Amino acid sequence: MPKRKLKKVSPVSPVKFSLNFASVRKFSFIEPKQRFDNSKTDFCEYKVYPKITFNTKKSEILIVLIFFGFIKETSEKNLDGEALFIFKVEELERLVYSENEILKFINPNDHNLVLSLISISYSTLRGILFEKLKGTLYSGTLLEIINPQKLFEQRNVM
């Protein structure tokens, strides 16, 4: 049996990044006008929308997660806020190019970097909200686990 030749695969250089800053810039929670049975964790609903900005001069990707909380029964919005996450990305300028003043990835697979950063931001926000909402009606509720691609697709919804 003849030996098969293996294709040479070009090495993929990993993208190095770090979370440099995380902050809740805006947070507002208003107790609902009427009481609800919060023994069920599905009495409320969260909505989260990302805004993504690239700063190639500083090699940073900024992710702002805008979040809302609603009581399902009444559609009453009583949680409103915004969290900022700044990621330092080594050599960001080699990953993107500008077309009509819009930054695009040179390699479409690098889009996965943004999905990873969204996932890290969202996961961090889950923990922050869990702590900040202790002692309120929302105590013990969590942002649902989501597919970061779906969250990314909502970036232009607002």
Protein backbone atom coordinates (compact mmCIF):
# COMPACT_ATOMS: atom_id res chain seq x y z
CA MET A 1 0.00 0.00 0.00
CA PRO A 2 1.55 3.35 -1.03
CA LYS A 3 2.12 5.98 1.61
CA ARG A 4 -0.15 8.99 1.39
CA LYS A 5 1.43 12.38 1.30
CA LEU A 6 0.13 14.77 3.89
CA LYS A 7 -0.70 18.29 2.87
CA LYS A 8 1.36 20.98 4.46
CA VAL A 9 -0.83 23.17 6.57
CA SER A 10 0.18 26.75 7.00
CA PRO A 11 0.68 27.58 10.64
CA VAL A 12 -2.03 29.64 12.23
CA SER A 13 -0.72 32.23 14.59
CA PRO A 14 -2.93 32.59 17.64
CA VAL A 15 -4.45 35.96 18.37
CA LYS A 16 -3.38 37.24 21.76
CA PHE A 17 -5.81 39.38 23.70
CA SER A 18 -6.60 40.45 27.24
CA LEU A 19 -9.58 42.00 28.99
CA ASN A 20 -8.18 45.36 30.10
CA PHE A 21 -11.31 47.02 31.47
CA ALA A 22 -14.81 46.04 32.54
CA SER A 23 -17.36 48.41 34.04
CA VAL A 24 -21.09 48.81 34.46
CA ARG A 25 -21.53 52.37 33.18
CA LYS A 26 -25.25 52.57 33.76
CA PHE A 27 -27.48 50.55 36.08
CA SER A 28 -31.08 51.21 37.04
CA PHE A 29 -33.43 48.83 38.81
CA ILE A 30 -36.93 49.84 39.87
CA GLU A 31 -38.96 47.49 42.04
CA PRO A 32 -42.17 46.56 40.19
CA LYS A 33 -45.43 48.18 41.23
CA GLN A 34 -46.96 44.83 42.13
CA ARG A 35 -45.41 41.71 43.69
CA PHE A 36 -44.77 38.59 41.66
CA ASP A 37 -44.00 35.01 42.53
CA ASN A 38 -40.29 34.94 41.93
CA SER A 39 -39.97 31.32 43.05
CA LYS A 40 -40.16 30.53 39.34
CA THR A 41 -37.09 31.83 37.56
CA ASP A 42 -38.96 32.43 34.30
CA PHE A 43 -41.15 35.30 35.58
CA CYS A 44 -38.71 37.81 34.08
CA GLU A 45 -36.95 38.19 30.78
CA TYR A 46 -33.66 39.82 29.87
CA LYS A 47 -32.70 41.42 26.57
CA VAL A 48 -29.07 42.17 25.69
CA TYR A 49 -27.77 44.05 22.65
CA PRO A 50 -24.08 44.49 21.85
CA LYS A 51 -22.30 47.43 20.26
CA ILE A 52 -18.85 46.64 18.90
CA THR A 53 -16.19 49.25 18.14
CA PHE A 54 -12.64 48.77 16.86
CA ASN A 55 -9.84 51.14 17.79
CA THR A 56 -6.92 50.07 15.61
CA LYS A 57 -4.69 52.90 16.89
CA LYS A 58 -4.86 51.48 20.42
CA SER A 59 -5.28 47.84 19.26
CA GLU A 60 -8.55 47.63 21.19
CA ILE A 61 -11.96 46.14 20.64
CA LEU A 62 -14.68 47.77 22.74
CA ILE A 63 -17.85 45.86 23.47
CA VAL A 64 -20.81 47.61 25.07
CA LEU A 65 -23.63 45.37 26.25
CA ILE A 66 -26.92 47.20 26.65
CA PHE A 67 -29.31 45.23 28.83
CA PHE A 68 -32.95 45.40 29.90
CA GLY A 69 -35.10 43.34 32.26
CA PHE A 70 -38.86 42.87 31.99
CA ILE A 71 -41.61 41.26 34.04
CA LYS A 72 -43.19 38.86 31.53
CA GLU A 73 -46.73 39.16 32.92
CA THR A 74 -46.94 42.94 32.55
CA SER A 75 -44.12 43.72 30.08
CA GLU A 76 -42.98 46.25 32.67
CA LYS A 77 -39.34 47.23 32.08
CA ASN A 78 -37.65 47.63 35.44
CA LEU A 79 -34.00 46.90 34.72
CA ASP A 80 -31.93 49.06 32.43
CA GLY A 81 -28.20 49.29 32.03
CA GLU A 82 -25.00 49.28 30.04
CA ALA A 83 -21.66 47.53 30.58
CA LEU A 84 -18.36 48.34 28.84
CA PHE A 85 -15.62 45.81 28.12
CA ILE A 86 -12.30 46.83 26.55
CA PHE A 87 -10.08 44.12 25.09
CA LYS A 88 -6.47 44.70 24.06
CA VAL A 89 -5.73 42.69 20.90
CA GLU A 90 -2.11 42.32 19.86
CA GLU A 91 -1.54 43.38 16.26
CA LEU A 92 -5.20 44.16 15.63
CA GLU A 93 -4.22 46.16 12.56
CA ARG A 94 -3.02 42.99 10.80
CA LEU A 95 -6.46 41.39 11.24
CA VAL A 96 -8.67 44.13 9.81
CA TYR A 97 -8.89 46.51 6.88
CA SER A 98 -11.10 49.50 6.17
CA GLU A 99 -13.67 49.54 3.39
CA ASN A 100 -15.92 52.60 3.11
CA GLU A 101 -14.94 53.52 6.69
CA ILE A 102 -16.15 50.12 7.94
CA LEU A 103 -13.61 47.75 9.43
CA LYS A 104 -13.69 44.20 8.10
CA PHE A 105 -11.64 41.15 8.92
CA ILE A 106 -9.01 40.17 6.36
CA ASN A 107 -9.59 36.51 7.17
CA PRO A 108 -13.30 35.77 7.71
CA ASN A 109 -12.37 33.18 10.36
CA ASP A 110 -11.02 35.99 12.54
CA HIS A 111 -14.68 36.90 13.04
CA ASN A 112 -14.54 34.12 15.66
CA LEU A 113 -12.35 36.41 17.75
CA VAL A 114 -15.24 38.85 18.12
CA LEU A 115 -17.57 35.97 19.02
CA SER A 116 -15.12 34.90 21.73
CA LEU A 117 -14.91 38.44 23.10
CA ILE A 118 -18.71 38.76 23.09
CA SER A 119 -18.94 35.45 24.93
CA ILE A 120 -16.44 36.60 27.58
CA SER A 121 -18.25 39.94 27.98
CA TYR A 122 -21.67 38.30 28.23
CA SER A 123 -20.47 35.71 30.73
CA THR A 124 -18.90 38.44 32.85
CA LEU A 125 -22.14 40.45 32.69
CA ARG A 126 -24.07 37.37 33.89
CA GLY A 127 -21.98 37.31 37.06
CA ILE A 128 -22.15 41.07 37.57
CA LEU A 129 -25.95 41.12 37.30
CA PHE A 130 -26.30 38.06 39.53
CA GLU A 131 -24.44 39.97 42.27
CA LYS A 132 -26.00 43.39 41.69
CA LEU A 133 -29.54 41.98 41.75
CA LYS A 134 -29.19 40.16 45.08
CA GLY A 135 -31.92 41.27 47.47
CA THR A 136 -34.23 42.38 44.64
CA LEU A 137 -37.13 40.63 42.96
CA TYR A 138 -34.63 39.39 40.34
CA SER A 139 -32.44 37.78 43.02
CA GLY A 140 -31.27 34.36 41.87
CA THR A 141 -32.15 34.88 38.22
CA LEU A 142 -29.47 34.66 35.56
CA LEU A 143 -29.10 35.83 32.03
CA GLU A 144 -29.78 32.76 29.92
CA ILE A 145 -26.89 30.91 28.30
CA ILE A 146 -26.82 31.96 24.66
CA ASN A 147 -25.03 31.33 21.41
CA PRO A 148 -22.63 34.30 20.94
CA GLN A 149 -23.39 34.26 17.20
CA LYS A 150 -27.05 35.09 17.94
CA LEU A 151 -26.01 37.92 20.23
CA PHE A 152 -23.61 39.20 17.55
CA GLU A 153 -26.46 39.21 15.01
CA GLN A 154 -28.49 41.48 17.34
CA ARG A 155 -25.84 44.21 17.31
CA ASN A 156 -27.79 46.29 14.76
CA VAL A 157 -31.26 45.67 16.20
CA MET A 158 -31.40 48.74 18.44
